[in-house]
Amino acid sequence: MAKRKHRRCRPAPDPGDVLARLRSADADTRIRALHAVCPCGAGFGLYERLRGEVKRLQKDPDPSVREMALHVERDACQIEAIETGLDRAAEQDWRYSDADRVKTHRQRQASRYWLPL
């Protein structure tokens, strides 16, 4: 069985440094900076601060930079949609891990004889 390498927790990158790298003339530097901003790995804090730069880079002349900027935006949208769904489920006391309960709940909602659980 192969051993897995554990990712070490890295300190949050300096926003000023990342911003400077996002504005670099080198495409590879901009791509690495976008990796640092991506919410799938870095969380939303840095992404939200630099969202304007990410939007600007979606129109970059280099196709690799544009692709990475679109990836960052897509990940942010997907993560936000998941978090919104989980928040809504918590507000309505839905437990999505219990498939039978959710199925029954939806069937009751769809019928005209809906009864609260």
PDB file of N, CA and C in Angstrom:
ATOM      1  N   MET A   1       0.839  -1.173   0.000  1.00  0.00           N
ATOM      2  CA  MET A   1       0.000   0.000   0.000  1.00  0.00           C
ATOM      3  C   MET A   1       0.886   1.238   0.000  1.00  0.00           C
ATOM      4  N   ALA A   2       0.603   2.136  -0.909  1.00  0.00           N
ATOM      5  CA  ALA A   2       1.403   3.356  -1.022  1.00  0.00           C
ATOM      6  C   ALA A   2       1.063   4.329   0.098  1.00  0.00           C
ATOM      7  N   LYS A   3       2.090   4.990   0.557  1.00  0.00           N
ATOM      8  CA  LYS A   3       1.886   5.990   1.602  1.00  0.00           C
ATOM      9  C   LYS A   3       1.446   7.293   0.957  1.00  0.00           C
ATOM     10  N   ARG A   4       0.549   7.961   1.602  1.00  0.00           N
ATOM     11  CA  ARG A   4       0.095   9.261   1.132  1.00  0.00           C
ATOM     12  C   ARG A   4       0.892  10.357   1.799  1.00  0.00           C
ATOM     13  N   LYS A   5       1.183  11.350   1.032  1.00  0.00           N
ATOM     14  CA  LYS A   5       1.836  12.509   1.621  1.00  0.00           C
ATOM     15  C   LYS A   5       0.764  13.399   2.211  1.00  0.00           C
ATOM     16  N   HIS A   6       0.988  13.842   3.415  1.00  0.00           N
ATOM     17  CA  HIS A   6       0.040  14.741   4.068  1.00  0.00           C
ATOM     18  C   HIS A   6       0.371  16.174   3.698  1.00  0.00           C
ATOM     19  N   ARG A   7      -0.668  16.897   3.363  1.00  0.00           N
ATOM     20  CA  ARG A   7      -0.473  18.319   3.088  1.00  0.00           C
ATOM     21  C   ARG A   7      -0.271  19.046   4.406  1.00  0.00           C
ATOM     22  N   ARG A   8       0.723  19.838   4.427  1.00  0.00           N
ATOM     23  CA  ARG A   8       0.958  20.638   5.626  1.00  0.00           C
ATOM     24  C   ARG A   8       0.161  21.912   5.529  1.00  0.00           C
ATOM     25  N   CYS A   9      -0.327  22.331   6.651  1.00  0.00           N
ATOM     26  CA  CYS A   9      -1.064  23.593   6.669  1.00  0.00           C
ATOM     27  C   CYS A   9      -0.081  24.722   6.389  1.00  0.00           C
ATOM     28  N   ARG A  10      -0.399  25.469   5.377  1.00  0.00           N
ATOM     29  CA  ARG A  10       0.455  26.593   5.018  1.00  0.00           C
ATOM     30  C   ARG A  10      -0.149  27.867   5.566  1.00  0.00           C
ATOM     31  N   PRO A  11       0.701  28.797   5.954  1.00  0.00           N
ATOM     32  CA  PRO A  11       0.142  30.081   6.406  1.00  0.00           C
ATOM     33  C   PRO A  11      -0.528  30.793   5.236  1.00  0.00           C
ATOM     34  N   ALA A  12      -1.489  31.604   5.551  1.00  0.00           N
ATOM     35  CA  ALA A  12      -2.209  32.347   4.512  1.00  0.00           C
ATOM     36  C   ALA A  12      -1.234  33.278   3.796  1.00  0.00           C
ATOM     37  N   PRO A  13      -1.301  33.296   2.467  1.00  0.00           N
ATOM     38  CA  PRO A  13      -0.387  34.180   1.735  1.00  0.00           C
ATOM     39  C   PRO A  13      -0.717  35.647   1.975  1.00  0.00           C
ATOM     40  N   ASP A  14       0.299  36.464   1.860  1.00  0.00           N
ATOM     41  CA  ASP A  14       0.141  37.906   2.029  1.00  0.00           C
ATOM     42  C   ASP A  14      -0.653  38.463   0.847  1.00  0.00           C
ATOM     43  N   PRO A  15      -1.790  39.131   1.097  1.00  0.00           N
ATOM     44  CA  PRO A  15      -2.596  39.661  -0.004  1.00  0.00           C
ATOM     45  C   PRO A  15      -1.838  40.623  -0.911  1.00  0.00           C
ATOM     46  N   GLY A  16      -0.957  41.426  -0.363  1.00  0.00           N
ATOM     47  CA  GLY A  16      -0.178  42.361  -1.173  1.00  0.00           C
ATOM     48  C   GLY A  16       0.757  41.629  -2.127  1.00  0.00           C
ATOM     49  N   ASP A  17       1.382  40.575  -1.632  1.00  0.00           N
ATOM     50  CA  ASP A  17       2.279  39.780  -2.466  1.00  0.00           C
ATOM     51  C   ASP A  17       1.501  39.081  -3.579  1.00  0.00           C
ATOM     52  N   VAL A  18       0.351  38.505  -3.228  1.00  0.00           N
ATOM     53  CA  VAL A  18      -0.469  37.814  -4.233  1.00  0.00           C
ATOM     54  C   VAL A  18      -0.965  38.806  -5.279  1.00  0.00           C
ATOM     55  N   LEU A  19      -1.377  39.991  -4.845  1.00  0.00           N
ATOM     56  CA  LEU A  19      -1.838  41.009  -5.783  1.00  0.00           C
ATOM     57  C   LEU A  19      -0.730  41.405  -6.753  1.00  0.00           C
ATOM     58  N   ALA A  20       0.482  41.553  -6.237  1.00  0.00           N
ATOM     59  CA  ALA A  20       1.618  41.890  -7.104  1.00  0.00           C
ATOM     60  C   ALA A  20       1.866  40.774  -8.121  1.00  0.00           C
ATOM     61  N   ARG A  21       1.746  39.513  -7.678  1.00  0.00           N
ATOM     62  CA  ARG A  21       1.944  38.393  -8.604  1.00  0.00           C
ATOM     63  C   ARG A  21       0.812  38.297  -9.617  1.00  0.00           C
ATOM     64  N   LEU A  22      -0.419  38.665  -9.232  1.00  0.00           N
ATOM     65  CA  LEU A  22      -1.540  38.659 -10.178  1.00  0.00           C
ATOM     66  C   LEU A  22      -1.346  39.706 -11.268  1.00  0.00           C
ATOM     67  N   ARG A  23      -0.612  40.762 -10.966  1.00  0.00           N
ATOM     68  CA  ARG A  23      -0.374  41.840 -11.933  1.00  0.00           C
ATOM     69  C   ARG A  23       0.963  41.690 -12.649  1.00  0.00           C
ATOM     70  N   SER A  24       1.629  40.565 -12.447  1.00  0.00           N
ATOM     71  CA  SER A  24       2.934  40.321 -13.060  1.00  0.00           C
ATOM     72  C   SER A  24       2.824  40.225 -14.581  1.00  0.00           C
ATOM     73  N   ALA A  25       3.933  40.514 -15.261  1.00  0.00           N
ATOM     74  CA  ALA A  25       3.964  40.401 -16.725  1.00  0.00           C
ATOM     75  C   ALA A  25       4.097  38.942 -17.159  1.00  0.00           C
ATOM     76  N   ASP A  26       4.599  38.080 -16.264  1.00  0.00           N
ATOM     77  CA  ASP A  26       4.809  36.664 -16.584  1.00  0.00           C
ATOM     78  C   ASP A  26       3.518  35.866 -16.371  1.00  0.00           C
ATOM     79  N   ALA A  27       3.091  35.128 -17.391  1.00  0.00           N
ATOM     80  CA  ALA A  27       1.845  34.360 -17.323  1.00  0.00           C
ATOM     81  C   ALA A  27       1.924  33.259 -16.263  1.00  0.00           C
ATOM     82  N   ASP A  28       3.081  32.579 -16.151  1.00  0.00           N
ATOM     83  CA  ASP A  28       3.208  31.511 -15.154  1.00  0.00           C
ATOM     84  C   ASP A  28       3.084  32.049 -13.734  1.00  0.00           C
ATOM     85  N   THR A  29       3.610  33.230 -13.499  1.00  0.00           N
ATOM     86  CA  THR A  29       3.494  33.865 -12.179  1.00  0.00           C
ATOM     87  C   THR A  29       2.034  34.185 -11.879  1.00  0.00           C
ATOM     88  N   ARG A  30       1.298  34.678 -12.870  1.00  0.00           N
ATOM     89  CA  ARG A  30      -0.126  34.978 -12.678  1.00  0.00           C
ATOM     90  C   ARG A  30      -0.915  33.699 -12.390  1.00  0.00           C
ATOM     91  N   ILE A  31      -0.575  32.614 -13.079  1.00  0.00           N
ATOM     92  CA  ILE A  31      -1.277  31.339 -12.858  1.00  0.00           C
ATOM     93  C   ILE A  31      -1.010  30.829 -11.445  1.00  0.00           C
ATOM     94  N   ARG A  32       0.243  30.877 -10.996  1.00  0.00           N
ATOM     95  CA  ARG A  32       0.552  30.433  -9.622  1.00  0.00           C
ATOM     96  C   ARG A  32      -0.163  31.304  -8.592  1.00  0.00           C
ATOM     97  N   ALA A  33      -0.260  32.583  -8.871  1.00  0.00           N
ATOM     98  CA  ALA A  33      -0.976  33.477  -7.956  1.00  0.00           C
ATOM     99  C   ALA A  33      -2.465  33.133  -7.929  1.00  0.00           C
ATOM    100  N   LEU A  34      -3.035  32.789  -9.068  1.00  0.00           N
ATOM    101  CA  LEU A  34      -4.451  32.387  -9.097  1.00  0.00           C
ATOM    102  C   LEU A  34      -4.669  31.102  -8.314  1.00  0.00           C
ATOM    103  N   HIS A  35      -3.704  30.188  -8.363  1.00  0.00           N
ATOM    104  CA  HIS A  35      -3.794  28.973  -7.539  1.00  0.00           C
ATOM    105  C   HIS A  35      -3.852  29.333  -6.059  1.00  0.00           C
ATOM    106  N   ALA A  36      -3.099  30.342  -5.667  1.00  0.00           N
ATOM    107  CA  ALA A  36      -3.082  30.768  -4.263  1.00  0.00           C
ATOM    108  C   ALA A  36      -4.402  31.420  -3.850  1.00  0.00           C
ATOM    109  N   VAL A  37      -5.135  31.987  -4.811  1.00  0.00           N
ATOM    110  CA  VAL A  37      -6.387  32.682  -4.529  1.00  0.00           C
ATOM    111  C   VAL A  37      -7.580  31.725  -4.545  1.00  0.00           C
ATOM    112  N   CYS A  38      -7.446  30.598  -5.221  1.00  0.00           N
ATOM    113  CA  CYS A  38      -8.582  29.694  -5.443  1.00  0.00           C
ATOM    114  C   CYS A  38      -9.218  29.255  -4.120  1.00  0.00           C
ATOM    115  N   PRO A  39     -10.538  29.433  -3.977  1.00  0.00           N
ATOM    116  CA  PRO A  39     -11.201  29.085  -2.724  1.00  0.00           C
ATOM    117  C   PRO A  39     -11.245  27.585  -2.434  1.00  0.00           C
ATOM    118  N   CYS A  40     -10.981  26.732  -3.433  1.00  0.00           N
ATOM    119  CA  CYS A  40     -10.979  25.294  -3.171  1.00  0.00           C
ATOM    120  C   CYS A  40      -9.802  24.916  -2.283  1.00  0.00           C
ATOM    121  N   GLY A  41      -8.775  25.728  -2.253  1.00  0.00           N
ATOM    122  CA  GLY A  41      -7.633  25.445  -1.402  1.00  0.00           C
ATOM    123  C   GLY A  41      -7.366  26.511  -0.364  1.00  0.00           C
ATOM    124  N   ALA A  42      -7.620  27.756  -0.719  1.00  0.00           N
ATOM    125  CA  ALA A  42      -7.251  28.866   0.151  1.00  0.00           C
ATOM    126  C   ALA A  42      -8.412  29.400   0.984  1.00  0.00           C
ATOM    127  N   GLY A  43      -9.626  29.006   0.669  1.00  0.00           N
ATOM    128  CA  GLY A  43     -10.775  29.556   1.374  1.00  0.00           C
ATOM    129  C   GLY A  43     -11.240  30.852   0.734  1.00  0.00           C
ATOM    130  N   PHE A  44     -12.286  31.444   1.299  1.00  0.00           N
ATOM    131  CA  PHE A  44     -12.912  32.605   0.680  1.00  0.00           C
ATOM    132  C   PHE A  44     -12.297  33.940   1.061  1.00  0.00           C
ATOM    133  N   GLY A  45     -11.556  34.007   2.137  1.00  0.00           N
ATOM    134  CA  GLY A  45     -11.032  35.294   2.593  1.00  0.00           C
ATOM    135  C   GLY A  45     -10.201  36.011   1.544  1.00  0.00           C
ATOM    136  N   LEU A  46      -9.185  35.337   1.058  1.00  0.00           N
ATOM    137  CA  LEU A  46      -8.306  35.942   0.064  1.00  0.00           C
ATOM    138  C   LEU A  46      -9.032  36.119  -1.268  1.00  0.00           C
ATOM    139  N   TYR A  47      -9.843  35.137  -1.644  1.00  0.00           N
ATOM    140  CA  TYR A  47     -10.593  35.243  -2.902  1.00  0.00           C
ATOM    141  C   TYR A  47     -11.480  36.482  -2.911  1.00  0.00           C
ATOM    142  N   GLU A  48     -12.194  36.726  -1.817  1.00  0.00           N
ATOM    143  CA  GLU A  48     -13.103  37.868  -1.771  1.00  0.00           C
ATOM    144  C   GLU A  48     -12.351  39.197  -1.852  1.00  0.00           C
ATOM    145  N   ARG A  49     -11.168  39.247  -1.270  1.00  0.00           N
ATOM    146  CA  ARG A  49     -10.386  40.486  -1.314  1.00  0.00           C
ATOM    147  C   ARG A  49      -9.864  40.773  -2.711  1.00  0.00           C
ATOM    148  N   LEU A  50      -9.580  39.710  -3.478  1.00  0.00           N
ATOM    149  CA  LEU A  50      -8.955  39.874  -4.786  1.00  0.00           C
ATOM    150  C   LEU A  50      -9.891  39.486  -5.934  1.00  0.00           C
ATOM    151  N   ARG A  51     -11.171  39.475  -5.675  1.00  0.00           N
ATOM    152  CA  ARG A  51     -12.137  39.041  -6.687  1.00  0.00           C
ATOM    153  C   ARG A  51     -12.102  39.923  -7.934  1.00  0.00           C
ATOM    154  N   GLY A  52     -11.900  41.203  -7.770  1.00  0.00           N
ATOM    155  CA  GLY A  52     -11.818  42.113  -8.912  1.00  0.00           C
ATOM    156  C   GLY A  52     -10.665  41.755  -9.843  1.00  0.00           C
ATOM    157  N   GLU A  53      -9.531  41.396  -9.265  1.00  0.00           N
ATOM    158  CA  GLU A  53      -8.380  40.990 -10.077  1.00  0.00           C
ATOM    159  C   GLU A  53      -8.658  39.675 -10.794  1.00  0.00           C
ATOM    160  N   VAL A  54      -9.335  38.753 -10.118  1.00  0.00           N
ATOM    161  CA  VAL A  54      -9.687  37.480 -10.754  1.00  0.00           C
ATOM    162  C   VAL A  54     -10.601  37.741 -11.946  1.00  0.00           C
ATOM    163  N   LYS A  55     -11.577  38.621 -11.780  1.00  0.00           N
ATOM    164  CA  LYS A  55     -12.475  38.974 -12.881  1.00  0.00           C
ATOM    165  C   LYS A  55     -11.688  39.598 -14.043  1.00  0.00           C
ATOM    166  N   ARG A  56     -10.745  40.466 -13.719  1.00  0.00           N
ATOM    167  CA  ARG A  56      -9.936  41.111 -14.754  1.00  0.00           C
ATOM    168  C   ARG A  56      -9.120  40.080 -15.528  1.00  0.00           C
ATOM    169  N   LEU A  57      -8.593  39.073 -14.818  1.00  0.00           N
ATOM    170  CA  LEU A  57      -7.757  38.064 -15.459  1.00  0.00           C
ATOM    171  C   LEU A  57      -8.565  37.087 -16.322  1.00  0.00           C
ATOM    172  N   GLN A  58      -9.883  37.117 -16.209  1.00  0.00           N
ATOM    173  CA  GLN A  58     -10.699  36.279 -17.095  1.00  0.00           C
ATOM    174  C   GLN A  58     -10.634  36.793 -18.533  1.00  0.00           C
ATOM    175  N   LYS A  59     -10.120  38.007 -18.726  1.00  0.00           N
ATOM    176  CA  LYS A  59      -9.965  38.590 -20.062  1.00  0.00           C
ATOM    177  C   LYS A  59      -8.485  38.772 -20.416  1.00  0.00           C
ATOM    178  N   ASP A  60      -7.631  38.014 -19.759  1.00  0.00           N
ATOM    179  CA  ASP A  60      -6.189  38.083 -19.998  1.00  0.00           C
ATOM    180  C   ASP A  60      -5.860  37.590 -21.411  1.00  0.00           C
ATOM    181  N   PRO A  61      -4.807  38.145 -22.036  1.00  0.00           N
ATOM    182  CA  PRO A  61      -4.435  37.676 -23.381  1.00  0.00           C
ATOM    183  C   PRO A  61      -3.967  36.219 -23.412  1.00  0.00           C
ATOM    184  N   ASP A  62      -3.422  35.715 -22.309  1.00  0.00           N
ATOM    185  CA  ASP A  62      -2.930  34.341 -22.272  1.00  0.00           C
ATOM    186  C   ASP A  62      -4.076  33.375 -21.969  1.00  0.00           C
ATOM    187  N   PRO A  63      -4.319  32.355 -22.811  1.00  0.00           N
ATOM    188  CA  PRO A  63      -5.445  31.437 -22.589  1.00  0.00           C
ATOM    189  C   PRO A  63      -5.324  30.612 -21.306  1.00  0.00           C
ATOM    190  N   SER A  64      -4.095  30.295 -20.889  1.00  0.00           N
ATOM    191  CA  SER A  64      -3.917  29.521 -19.649  1.00  0.00           C
ATOM    192  C   SER A  64      -4.335  30.332 -18.428  1.00  0.00           C
ATOM    193  N   VAL A  65      -4.034  31.613 -18.452  1.00  0.00           N
ATOM    194  CA  VAL A  65      -4.418  32.496 -17.346  1.00  0.00           C
ATOM    195  C   VAL A  65      -5.940  32.632 -17.310  1.00  0.00           C
ATOM    196  N   ARG A  66      -6.548  32.829 -18.479  1.00  0.00           N
ATOM    197  CA  ARG A  66      -8.012  32.935 -18.545  1.00  0.00           C
ATOM    198  C   ARG A  66      -8.666  31.665 -18.008  1.00  0.00           C
ATOM    199  N   GLU A  67      -8.124  30.507 -18.401  1.00  0.00           N
ATOM    200  CA  GLU A  67      -8.681  29.234 -17.951  1.00  0.00           C
ATOM    201  C   GLU A  67      -8.599  29.098 -16.430  1.00  0.00           C
ATOM    202  N   MET A  68      -7.466  29.466 -15.862  1.00  0.00           N
ATOM    203  CA  MET A  68      -7.301  29.373 -14.406  1.00  0.00           C
ATOM    204  C   MET A  68      -8.208  30.365 -13.689  1.00  0.00           C
ATOM    205  N   ALA A  69      -8.355  31.568 -14.230  1.00  0.00           N
ATOM    206  CA  ALA A  69      -9.235  32.566 -13.614  1.00  0.00           C
ATOM    207  C   ALA A  69     -10.685  32.077 -13.641  1.00  0.00           C
ATOM    208  N   LEU A  70     -11.086  31.448 -14.736  1.00  0.00           N
ATOM    209  CA  LEU A  70     -12.442  30.885 -14.812  1.00  0.00           C
ATOM    210  C   LEU A  70     -12.610  29.731 -13.834  1.00  0.00           C
ATOM    211  N   HIS A  71     -11.557  28.926 -13.651  1.00  0.00           N
ATOM    212  CA  HIS A  71     -11.609  27.835 -12.669  1.00  0.00           C
ATOM    213  C   HIS A  71     -11.836  28.389 -11.264  1.00  0.00           C
ATOM    214  N   VAL A  72     -11.113  29.448 -10.931  1.00  0.00           N
ATOM    215  CA  VAL A  72     -11.248  30.068  -9.605  1.00  0.00           C
ATOM    216  C   VAL A  72     -12.680  30.546  -9.403  1.00  0.00           C
ATOM    217  N   GLU A  73     -13.232  31.225 -10.398  1.00  0.00           N
ATOM    218  CA  GLU A  73     -14.601  31.743 -10.293  1.00  0.00           C
ATOM    219  C   GLU A  73     -15.620  30.603 -10.206  1.00  0.00           C
ATOM    220  N   ARG A  74     -15.424  29.568 -11.011  1.00  0.00           N
ATOM    221  CA  ARG A  74     -16.328  28.414 -11.002  1.00  0.00           C
ATOM    222  C   ARG A  74     -16.310  27.716  -9.643  1.00  0.00           C
ATOM    223  N   ASP A  75     -15.119  27.499  -9.089  1.00  0.00           N
ATOM    224  CA  ASP A  75     -15.021  26.873  -7.770  1.00  0.00           C
ATOM    225  C   ASP A  75     -15.720  27.713  -6.709  1.00  0.00           C
ATOM    226  N   ALA A  76     -15.535  29.020  -6.774  1.00  0.00           N
ATOM    227  CA  ALA A  76     -16.183  29.897  -5.794  1.00  0.00           C
ATOM    228  C   ALA A  76     -17.699  29.775  -5.888  1.00  0.00           C
ATOM    229  N   CYS A  77     -18.220  29.749  -7.107  1.00  0.00           N
ATOM    230  CA  CYS A  77     -19.679  29.631  -7.289  1.00  0.00           C
ATOM    231  C   CYS A  77     -20.188  28.295  -6.774  1.00  0.00           C
ATOM    232  N   GLN A  78     -19.470  27.217  -7.063  1.00  0.00           N
ATOM    233  CA  GLN A  78     -19.902  25.899  -6.606  1.00  0.00           C
ATOM    234  C   GLN A  78     -19.863  25.788  -5.088  1.00  0.00           C
ATOM    235  N   ILE A  79     -18.807  26.275  -4.488  1.00  0.00           N
ATOM    236  CA  ILE A  79     -18.691  26.203  -3.027  1.00  0.00           C
ATOM    237  C   ILE A  79     -19.776  27.050  -2.374  1.00  0.00           C
ATOM    238  N   GLU A  80     -20.043  28.228  -2.938  1.00  0.00           N
ATOM    239  CA  GLU A  80     -21.106  29.078  -2.392  1.00  0.00           C
ATOM    240  C   GLU A  80     -22.474  28.419  -2.509  1.00  0.00           C
ATOM    241  N   ALA A  81     -22.731  27.752  -3.637  1.00  0.00           N
ATOM    242  CA  ALA A  81     -24.010  27.070  -3.826  1.00  0.00           C
ATOM    243  C   ALA A  81     -24.169  25.930  -2.829  1.00  0.00           C
ATOM    244  N   ILE A  82     -23.108  25.187  -2.587  1.00  0.00           N
ATOM    245  CA  ILE A  82     -23.159  24.094  -1.609  1.00  0.00           C
ATOM    246  C   ILE A  82     -23.411  24.644  -0.214  1.00  0.00           C
ATOM    247  N   GLU A  83     -22.682  25.701   0.154  1.00  0.00           N
ATOM    248  CA  GLU A  83     -22.861  26.282   1.481  1.00  0.00           C
ATOM    249  C   GLU A  83     -24.265  26.861   1.654  1.00  0.00           C
ATOM    250  N   THR A  84     -24.815  27.464   0.604  1.00  0.00           N
ATOM    251  CA  THR A  84     -26.170  28.000   0.669  1.00  0.00           C
ATOM    252  C   THR A  84     -27.175  26.880   0.884  1.00  0.00           C
ATOM    253  N   GLY A  85     -27.001  25.777   0.151  1.00  0.00           N
ATOM    254  CA  GLY A  85     -27.891  24.627   0.328  1.00  0.00           C
ATOM    255  C   GLY A  85     -27.804  24.044   1.723  1.00  0.00           C
ATOM    256  N   LEU A  86     -26.607  23.965   2.267  1.00  0.00           N
ATOM    257  CA  LEU A  86     -26.446  23.438   3.628  1.00  0.00           C
ATOM    258  C   LEU A  86     -27.062  24.380   4.661  1.00  0.00           C
ATOM    259  N   ASP A  87     -26.896  25.688   4.449  1.00  0.00           N
ATOM    260  CA  ASP A  87     -27.508  26.651   5.362  1.00  0.00           C
ATOM    261  C   ASP A  87     -29.029  26.552   5.316  1.00  0.00           C
ATOM    262  N   ARG A  88     -29.572  26.439   4.103  1.00  0.00           N
ATOM    263  CA  ARG A  88     -31.022  26.320   3.951  1.00  0.00           C
ATOM    264  C   ARG A  88     -31.524  25.021   4.607  1.00  0.00           C
ATOM    265  N   ALA A  89     -30.765  23.949   4.447  1.00  0.00           N
ATOM    266  CA  ALA A  89     -31.145  22.677   5.056  1.00  0.00           C
ATOM    267  C   ALA A  89     -31.138  22.785   6.578  1.00  0.00           C
ATOM    268  N   ALA A  90     -30.149  23.478   7.108  1.00  0.00           N
ATOM    269  CA  ALA A  90     -30.079  23.643   8.561  1.00  0.00           C
ATOM    270  C   ALA A  90     -31.235  24.496   9.069  1.00  0.00           C
ATOM    271  N   GLU A  91     -31.595  25.554   8.313  1.00  0.00           N
ATOM    272  CA  GLU A  91     -32.711  26.412   8.721  1.00  0.00           C
ATOM    273  C   GLU A  91     -34.039  25.652   8.736  1.00  0.00           C
ATOM    274  N   GLN A  92     -34.200  24.745   7.773  1.00  0.00           N
ATOM    275  CA  GLN A  92     -35.458  24.015   7.664  1.00  0.00           C
ATOM    276  C   GLN A  92     -35.400  22.664   8.354  1.00  0.00           C
ATOM    277  N   ASP A  93     -34.312  22.403   9.059  1.00  0.00           N
ATOM    278  CA  ASP A  93     -34.123  21.177   9.824  1.00  0.00           C
ATOM    279  C   ASP A  93     -34.173  19.936   8.926  1.00  0.00           C
ATOM    280  N   TRP A  94     -33.552  20.038   7.770  1.00  0.00           N
ATOM    281  CA  TRP A  94     -33.430  18.877   6.899  1.00  0.00           C
ATOM    282  C   TRP A  94     -32.106  18.211   7.201  1.00  0.00           C
ATOM    283  N   ARG A  95     -32.118  16.915   7.181  1.00  0.00           N
ATOM    284  CA  ARG A  95     -30.889  16.162   7.374  1.00  0.00           C
ATOM    285  C   ARG A  95     -30.609  15.406   6.083  1.00  0.00           C
ATOM    286  N   TYR A  96     -29.741  15.963   5.255  1.00  0.00           N
ATOM    287  CA  TYR A  96     -29.475  15.365   3.951  1.00  0.00           C
ATOM    288  C   TYR A  96     -28.706  14.064   4.040  1.00  0.00           C
ATOM    289  N   SER A  97     -28.133  13.754   5.160  1.00  0.00           N
ATOM    290  CA  SER A  97     -27.432  12.481   5.269  1.00  0.00           C
ATOM    291  C   SER A  97     -28.411  11.326   5.446  1.00  0.00           C
ATOM    292  N   ASP A  98     -29.632  11.601   5.798  1.00  0.00           N
ATOM    293  CA  ASP A  98     -30.658  10.571   5.973  1.00  0.00           C
ATOM    294  C   ASP A  98     -31.533  10.563   4.716  1.00  0.00           C
ATOM    295  N   ALA A  99     -31.170   9.724   3.733  1.00  0.00           N
ATOM    296  CA  ALA A  99     -31.828   9.734   2.422  1.00  0.00           C
ATOM    297  C   ALA A  99     -33.315   9.407   2.515  1.00  0.00           C
ATOM    298  N   ASP A 100     -33.692   8.458   3.362  1.00  0.00           N
ATOM    299  CA  ASP A 100     -35.108   8.089   3.469  1.00  0.00           C
ATOM    300  C   ASP A 100     -35.933   9.244   4.014  1.00  0.00           C
ATOM    301  N   ARG A 101     -35.409   9.967   4.973  1.00  0.00           N
ATOM    302  CA  ARG A 101     -36.147  11.079   5.549  1.00  0.00           C
ATOM    303  C   ARG A 101     -36.364  12.171   4.510  1.00  0.00           C
ATOM    304  N   VAL A 102     -35.331  12.456   3.719  1.00  0.00           N
ATOM    305  CA  VAL A 102     -35.442  13.483   2.698  1.00  0.00           C
ATOM    306  C   VAL A 102     -36.449  13.058   1.633  1.00  0.00           C
ATOM    307  N   LYS A 103     -36.388  11.795   1.222  1.00  0.00           N
ATOM    308  CA  LYS A 103     -37.320  11.290   0.210  1.00  0.00           C
ATOM    309  C   LYS A 103     -38.754  11.402   0.710  1.00  0.00           C
ATOM    310  N   THR A 104     -38.998  10.973   1.935  1.00  0.00           N
ATOM    311  CA  THR A 104     -40.342  11.056   2.517  1.00  0.00           C
ATOM    312  C   THR A 104     -40.789  12.502   2.641  1.00  0.00           C
ATOM    313  N   HIS A 105     -39.897  13.360   3.073  1.00  0.00           N
ATOM    314  CA  HIS A 105     -40.217  14.772   3.234  1.00  0.00           C
ATOM    315  C   HIS A 105     -40.620  15.389   1.890  1.00  0.00           C
ATOM    316  N   ARG A 106     -39.869  15.089   0.846  1.00  0.00           N
ATOM    317  CA  ARG A 106     -40.185  15.633  -0.472  1.00  0.00           C
ATOM    318  C   ARG A 106     -41.491  15.062  -1.024  1.00  0.00           C
ATOM    319  N   GLN A 107     -41.756  13.791  -0.764  1.00  0.00           N
ATOM    320  CA  GLN A 107     -43.018  13.203  -1.216  1.00  0.00           C
ATOM    321  C   GLN A 107     -44.201  13.880  -0.527  1.00  0.00           C
ATOM    322  N   ARG A 108     -44.045  14.150   0.742  1.00  0.00           N
ATOM    323  CA  ARG A 108     -45.126  14.829   1.467  1.00  0.00           C
ATOM    324  C   ARG A 108     -45.326  16.239   0.945  1.00  0.00           C
ATOM    325  N   GLN A 109     -44.235  16.921   0.631  1.00  0.00           N
ATOM    326  CA  GLN A 109     -44.344  18.274   0.109  1.00  0.00           C
ATOM    327  C   GLN A 109     -45.012  18.286  -1.266  1.00  0.00           C
ATOM    328  N   ALA A 110     -44.760  17.255  -2.070  1.00  0.00           N
ATOM    329  CA  ALA A 110     -45.305  17.203  -3.431  1.00  0.00           C
ATOM    330  C   ALA A 110     -46.789  16.844  -3.446  1.00  0.00           C
ATOM    331  N   SER A 111     -47.263  16.162  -2.415  1.00  0.00           N
ATOM    332  CA  SER A 111     -48.676  15.767  -2.396  1.00  0.00           C
ATOM    333  C   SER A 111     -49.523  16.920  -1.858  1.00  0.00           C
ATOM    334  N   ARG A 112     -50.816  16.847  -2.147  1.00  0.00           N
ATOM    335  CA  ARG A 112     -51.668  17.923  -1.636  1.00  0.00           C
ATOM    336  C   ARG A 112     -52.015  17.698  -0.163  1.00  0.00           C
ATOM    337  N   TYR A 113     -51.599  16.540   0.361  1.00  0.00           N
ATOM    338  CA  TYR A 113     -51.844  16.235   1.779  1.00  0.00           C
ATOM    339  C   TYR A 113     -50.557  16.398   2.575  1.00  0.00           C
ATOM    340  N   TRP A 114     -49.824  17.463   2.270  1.00  0.00           N
ATOM    341  CA  TRP A 114     -48.563  17.667   2.935  1.00  0.00           C
ATOM    342  C   TRP A 114     -48.778  17.935   4.422  1.00  0.00           C
ATOM    343  N   LEU A 115     -48.027  17.214   5.210  1.00  0.00           N
ATOM    344  CA  LEU A 115     -48.047  17.402   6.666  1.00  0.00           C
ATOM    345  C   LEU A 115     -46.623  17.711   7.117  1.00  0.00           C
ATOM    346  N   PRO A 116     -46.466  18.656   7.988  1.00  0.00           N
ATOM    347  CA  PRO A 116     -45.106  18.904   8.482  1.00  0.00           C
ATOM    348  C   PRO A 116     -44.605  17.703   9.261  1.00  0.00           C
ATOM    349  N   LEU A 117     -43.309  17.490   9.211  1.00  0.00           N
ATOM    350  CA  LEU A 117     -42.704  16.346   9.925  1.00  0.00           C
ATOM    351  C   LEU A 117     -42.582  16.600  11.394  1.00  0.00           C
TER     352      LEU A 117
END
